[in-house]
């Protein structure tokens, strides 16, 4: 099963509001489940300590943004190719892959999405400047959810 097939399954889950899906193919078993508001999620502070905390009912992190220096259509939205957990650094004690205002090149690692205990590097598809980071570290992300906005150039 390849990434394209998994993306198609995730899109079908979204389109038909399916909360859980399981498939076994060629000896590979995949189970996909949308998190609910009451489920456990990693808290950024707890991530460093290796603890799992219930984050239901907590305030969302404020959106961080650098004002665009031109028309809105000069930004590119980097979207999550899968459901998983967002990590902005390779380890809790390491610096983030990118920060606001940082220039990135096509192919640079922007973050990691952990899915089914696999760490998947998300790389920039364009060169430009990071103008928004939309997800707090250690938070769950959905398929096709915008993670970053990069100003082209």
Protein backbone atom coordinates (compact mmCIF):
# COMPACT_ATOMS: atom_id res chain seq x y z
CA UNK A 1 0.00 0.00 0.00
CA UNK A 2 1.49 3.34 -1.01
CA UNK A 3 1.02 6.90 0.22
CA UNK A 4 -1.39 7.73 -2.61
CA UNK A 5 -3.71 4.89 -1.61
CA UNK A 6 -3.64 5.97 2.03
CA UNK A 7 -4.41 9.58 1.02
CA UNK A 8 -7.39 8.35 -1.01
CA UNK A 9 -8.69 6.37 1.97
CA UNK A 10 -8.28 9.41 4.22
CA UNK A 11 -10.16 11.59 1.73
CA UNK A 12 -12.99 9.04 1.55
CA UNK A 13 -13.14 8.97 5.36
CA UNK A 14 -13.45 12.75 5.33
CA UNK A 15 -16.00 12.85 2.50
CA UNK A 16 -18.28 10.23 4.08
CA UNK A 17 -17.64 11.23 7.72
CA UNK A 18 -16.18 7.83 8.63
CA UNK A 19 -14.49 7.96 12.04
CA UNK A 20 -12.63 4.65 11.90
CA UNK A 21 -11.27 2.43 9.11
CA UNK A 22 -9.22 -0.77 9.12
CA UNK A 23 -7.73 -2.70 6.20
CA UNK A 24 -5.35 -5.62 5.81
CA UNK A 25 -3.58 -5.95 2.47
CA UNK A 26 -0.50 -7.95 1.50
CA UNK A 27 0.36 -8.68 5.13
CA UNK A 28 0.12 -5.01 6.14
CA UNK A 29 -2.63 -4.01 8.54
CA UNK A 30 -3.63 -0.33 8.75
CA UNK A 31 -6.10 1.16 11.20
CA UNK A 32 -7.12 4.81 10.85
CA UNK A 33 -9.16 6.61 13.49
CA UNK A 34 -10.16 10.25 13.84
CA UNK A 35 -9.44 11.59 17.34
CA UNK A 36 -12.40 12.80 19.36
CA UNK A 37 -12.47 15.81 21.69
CA UNK A 38 -12.18 13.62 24.79
CA UNK A 39 -9.23 11.52 23.63
CA UNK A 40 -5.69 11.92 24.89
CA UNK A 41 -3.30 14.11 22.96
CA UNK A 42 0.29 15.17 23.54
CA UNK A 43 0.74 18.48 25.33
CA UNK A 44 3.88 20.39 24.19
CA UNK A 45 5.24 20.68 27.75
CA UNK A 46 4.42 17.05 28.46
CA UNK A 47 6.13 16.01 25.22
CA UNK A 48 9.47 17.02 26.71
CA UNK A 49 8.73 14.93 29.79
CA UNK A 50 7.32 11.99 27.85
CA UNK A 51 3.92 12.30 29.56
CA UNK A 52 0.48 12.05 27.96
CA UNK A 53 -2.10 14.57 29.12
CA UNK A 54 -5.75 15.12 28.30
CA UNK A 55 -5.90 18.42 26.42
CA UNK A 56 -9.67 18.51 25.98
CA UNK A 57 -11.00 21.90 26.97
CA UNK A 58 -7.67 23.73 26.80
CA UNK A 59 -7.33 26.97 24.91
CA UNK A 60 -5.98 26.69 21.34
CA UNK A 61 -2.51 28.10 20.79
CA UNK A 62 -2.49 31.61 19.35
CA UNK A 63 -1.84 31.80 15.63
CA UNK A 64 1.62 33.19 14.93
CA UNK A 65 2.05 35.23 11.79
CA UNK A 66 4.47 37.54 10.03
CA UNK A 67 2.63 40.17 7.97
CA UNK A 68 2.82 39.43 4.26
CA UNK A 69 4.77 41.97 2.23
CA UNK A 70 2.63 41.61 -0.88
CA UNK A 71 -0.55 40.14 -2.29
CA UNK A 72 -2.10 37.16 -0.48
CA UNK A 73 -1.65 34.85 -3.47
CA UNK A 74 2.15 34.91 -3.11
CA UNK A 75 1.94 32.45 -0.19
CA UNK A 76 1.95 28.69 -0.50
CA UNK A 77 0.08 26.50 2.00
CA UNK A 78 2.00 23.41 3.11
CA UNK A 79 -0.63 20.79 3.97
CA UNK A 80 -0.37 17.58 5.93
CA UNK A 81 -0.29 14.54 3.62
CA UNK A 82 -1.59 12.31 6.43
CA UNK A 83 -3.26 12.06 9.81
CA UNK A 84 -0.77 12.00 12.66
CA UNK A 85 1.04 14.00 15.31
CA UNK A 86 2.99 17.15 14.36
CA UNK A 87 6.52 17.65 15.66
CA UNK A 88 8.46 20.79 14.82
CA UNK A 89 11.83 19.34 15.89
CA UNK A 90 13.61 16.01 15.68
CA UNK A 91 13.56 15.68 19.50
CA UNK A 92 12.23 17.75 22.42
CA UNK A 93 15.71 19.08 23.24
CA UNK A 94 16.54 19.98 19.62
CA UNK A 95 15.89 23.29 17.84
CA UNK A 96 12.89 23.45 15.50
CA UNK A 97 13.38 22.58 11.84
CA UNK A 98 12.05 26.03 10.84
CA UNK A 99 10.99 29.25 12.54
CA UNK A 100 9.01 32.32 11.51
CA UNK A 101 10.83 34.48 8.99
CA UNK A 102 13.27 31.72 8.08
CA UNK A 103 14.18 31.21 4.43
CA UNK A 104 13.69 27.65 3.21
CA UNK A 105 14.65 25.91 0.00
CA UNK A 106 12.73 23.29 -1.92
CA UNK A 107 13.42 19.95 -0.22
CA UNK A 108 14.19 21.39 3.25
CA UNK A 109 12.57 19.48 6.13
CA UNK A 110 9.82 21.60 7.73
CA UNK A 111 8.52 19.17 10.36
CA UNK A 112 7.81 15.54 11.18
CA UNK A 113 4.39 13.88 11.19
CA UNK A 114 4.27 10.73 13.29
CA UNK A 115 1.78 8.24 11.92
CA UNK A 116 1.50 4.66 13.15
CA UNK A 117 4.84 4.96 14.97
CA UNK A 118 6.58 6.05 11.77
CA UNK A 119 8.29 9.44 11.57
CA UNK A 120 7.55 11.09 8.21
CA UNK A 121 9.58 14.13 7.19
CA UNK A 122 7.50 16.85 5.55
CA UNK A 123 9.65 18.76 3.08
CA UNK A 124 9.11 22.12 1.45
CA UNK A 125 7.89 21.94 -2.13
CA UNK A 126 8.99 25.53 -2.84
CA UNK A 127 11.69 28.01 -1.86
CA UNK A 128 10.62 31.01 0.17
CA UNK A 129 10.12 32.48 3.64
CA UNK A 130 8.06 30.88 6.43
CA UNK A 131 5.33 33.42 7.28
CA UNK A 132 2.99 31.24 9.39
CA UNK A 133 3.32 28.14 11.56
CA UNK A 134 -0.23 27.01 12.25
CA UNK A 135 0.16 23.91 14.45
CA UNK A 136 1.56 23.75 18.00
CA UNK A 137 4.18 21.09 18.65
CA UNK A 138 2.85 17.68 19.65
CA UNK A 139 -0.70 18.28 18.39
CA UNK A 140 -2.71 15.94 16.17
CA UNK A 141 -3.16 16.95 12.54
CA UNK A 142 -5.69 15.88 9.95
CA UNK A 143 -5.13 14.96 6.33
CA UNK A 144 -4.91 18.10 4.17
CA UNK A 145 -4.71 20.43 7.20
CA UNK A 146 -2.53 23.50 6.56
CA UNK A 147 0.68 23.34 8.62
CA UNK A 148 2.69 26.29 7.28
CA UNK A 149 2.40 29.20 4.91
CA UNK A 150 5.47 30.07 2.88
CA UNK A 151 5.87 33.29 0.91
CA UNK A 152 7.29 32.33 -2.48
CA UNK A 153 10.65 33.67 -3.54
